[in-house]
Amino acid sequence: MLTFMSDVNFNGKIIRGLVRQEPSLSVVRFQDVGPQNAADPEVLDRAAKEGRVLLTHDRKTMPNFANARVEGGEKMPGVIVVNDRMPIGRAIDEILSYVRRDPPAELENLVMYVPMS
C-alpha cells in the first residue's frame, strides 16, 4: 500500500478521513517531521527519502519542483495535487479509490491531480 506525506498546508480533515476509512494507511504530516517554513524542494526531498507520495493542494509550484526532480534524475515517489475547493468527502473517496485500485509504482515520477477526469 502507498505511504503518504502531506505538506504543511494540506487539509487535516482529509488526512483524518483517509486514516479513518483506511486504518492501515500511513500518513505523515511534514510539519511533524520538518520545519514549517520549508521550501517545496525540501518537502519533496523528505518525502522521497522516506518513499512517501506527497499530498498537496499547491497546484502552482509543487508540480514544477516535482517535475524538476524527475528531470534531474532524483527519486520522486509521486505527488497527488488535491483541489482545495473540492468537498472533503469527495477528496477522500477519490484518493482512496486510487490507493485501492493501482499499485504504488504507478505514481513514481508522476504528478496526479484530484479530481481525476
Protein backbone atom coordinates (compact mmCIF):
# COMPACT_ATOMS: atom_id res chain seq x y z
CA MET A 1 0.00 0.00 0.00
CA LEU A 2 1.12 3.55 -0.67
CA THR A 3 2.53 5.66 2.14
CA PHE A 4 1.97 9.40 2.19
CA MET A 5 3.37 12.66 3.45
CA SER A 6 1.20 15.76 3.47
CA ASP A 7 2.69 19.20 3.09
CA VAL A 8 2.16 21.89 5.71
CA ASN A 9 -0.96 23.41 4.16
CA PHE A 10 -2.78 20.16 3.36
CA ASN A 11 -6.27 19.90 4.88
CA GLY A 12 -6.07 17.86 8.09
CA LYS A 13 -9.71 16.80 7.74
CA ILE A 14 -8.79 14.93 4.55
CA ILE A 15 -5.92 13.19 6.34
CA ARG A 16 -8.13 12.18 9.26
CA GLY A 17 -10.80 10.89 6.87
CA LEU A 18 -8.27 8.86 4.88
CA VAL A 19 -6.93 7.18 8.01
CA ARG A 20 -10.41 6.66 9.46
CA GLN A 21 -11.57 4.86 6.32
CA GLU A 22 -8.29 3.02 5.72
CA PRO A 23 -6.62 2.49 9.14
CA SER A 24 -3.62 0.71 7.62
CA LEU A 25 -2.75 3.83 5.61
CA SER A 26 0.46 5.52 6.72
CA VAL A 27 0.34 9.33 6.52
CA VAL A 28 3.00 11.62 7.99
CA ARG A 29 2.43 15.36 8.18
CA PHE A 30 5.52 17.31 7.12
CA GLN A 31 5.04 19.80 9.96
CA ASP A 32 5.54 16.90 12.40
CA VAL A 33 8.92 15.93 10.93
CA GLY A 34 10.33 19.08 9.31
CA PRO A 35 10.38 22.85 9.62
CA GLN A 36 7.05 24.53 8.90
CA ASN A 37 8.71 27.14 6.67
CA ALA A 38 10.48 24.58 4.46
CA ALA A 39 10.65 25.28 0.74
CA ASP A 40 8.92 22.93 -1.70
CA PRO A 41 12.17 21.19 -2.78
CA GLU A 42 12.92 20.36 0.88
CA VAL A 43 9.42 18.89 1.35
CA LEU A 44 9.80 16.79 -1.81
CA ASP A 45 13.26 15.66 -0.73
CA ARG A 46 11.98 14.48 2.66
CA ALA A 47 9.05 12.64 1.06
CA ALA A 48 11.41 10.99 -1.42
CA LYS A 49 13.89 9.91 1.27
CA GLU A 50 11.01 8.25 3.13
CA GLY A 51 9.48 6.79 -0.04
CA ARG A 52 6.20 8.64 0.53
CA VAL A 53 3.83 10.08 -2.05
CA LEU A 54 3.27 13.76 -1.30
CA LEU A 55 -0.27 15.08 -0.77
CA THR A 56 -0.59 18.79 -1.53
CA HIS A 57 -3.06 21.49 -2.50
CA ASP A 58 -0.28 23.51 -4.18
CA ARG A 59 -1.01 23.47 -7.92
CA LYS A 60 1.23 26.43 -8.69
CA THR A 61 4.73 25.47 -7.59
CA MET A 62 4.89 21.93 -6.22
CA PRO A 63 4.27 20.17 -9.58
CA ASN A 64 7.08 22.20 -11.19
CA PHE A 65 9.53 21.24 -8.45
CA ALA A 66 8.42 17.60 -8.64
CA ASN A 67 8.94 17.51 -12.40
CA ALA A 68 12.34 19.18 -11.99
CA ARG A 69 13.35 16.36 -9.60
CA VAL A 70 12.40 13.78 -12.21
CA GLU A 71 14.24 15.64 -14.98
CA GLY A 72 17.28 15.87 -12.70
CA GLY A 73 17.26 12.11 -12.14
CA GLU A 74 16.28 12.39 -8.47
CA LYS A 75 13.93 9.96 -6.74
CA MET A 76 10.29 11.09 -6.74
CA PRO A 77 7.68 8.64 -5.36
CA GLY A 78 4.85 10.81 -6.70
CA VAL A 79 2.68 13.80 -5.91
CA ILE A 80 -1.09 13.96 -5.60
CA VAL A 81 -2.39 17.50 -6.03
CA VAL A 82 -5.85 17.81 -4.48
CA ASN A 83 -8.06 20.73 -5.47
CA ASP A 84 -8.57 22.70 -2.25
CA ARG A 85 -12.10 23.69 -3.31
CA MET A 86 -13.22 20.08 -3.64
CA PRO A 87 -15.57 18.74 -0.94
CA ILE A 88 -13.61 16.87 1.72
CA GLY A 89 -15.60 13.65 1.37
CA ARG A 90 -15.07 13.56 -2.37
CA ALA A 91 -11.32 14.18 -1.98
CA ILE A 92 -11.10 11.29 0.48
CA ASP A 93 -13.10 8.99 -1.80
CA GLU A 94 -11.02 9.82 -4.88
CA ILE A 95 -7.69 9.35 -3.12
CA LEU A 96 -8.82 6.06 -1.57
CA SER A 97 -10.20 4.76 -4.84
CA TYR A 98 -6.80 5.35 -6.39
CA VAL A 99 -4.94 3.80 -3.44
CA ARG A 100 -7.13 0.71 -3.54
CA ARG A 101 -7.01 0.34 -7.33
CA ASP A 102 -3.45 0.92 -8.51
CA PRO A 103 -0.09 -0.45 -7.40
CA PRO A 104 2.29 2.03 -5.73
CA ALA A 105 4.75 2.02 -8.63
CA GLU A 106 2.14 3.68 -10.82
CA LEU A 107 2.74 7.08 -9.18
CA GLU A 108 6.53 7.00 -9.23
CA ASN A 109 7.85 10.10 -11.02
CA LEU A 110 4.29 11.35 -11.67
CA VAL A 111 2.11 14.23 -10.58
CA MET A 112 -1.58 13.28 -10.35
CA TYR A 113 -4.41 15.76 -9.98
CA VAL A 114 -7.60 15.17 -7.95
CA PRO A 115 -10.35 15.36 -9.04
CA MET A 116 -9.43 12.85 -11.68
CA SER A 117 -11.16 13.19 -15.01
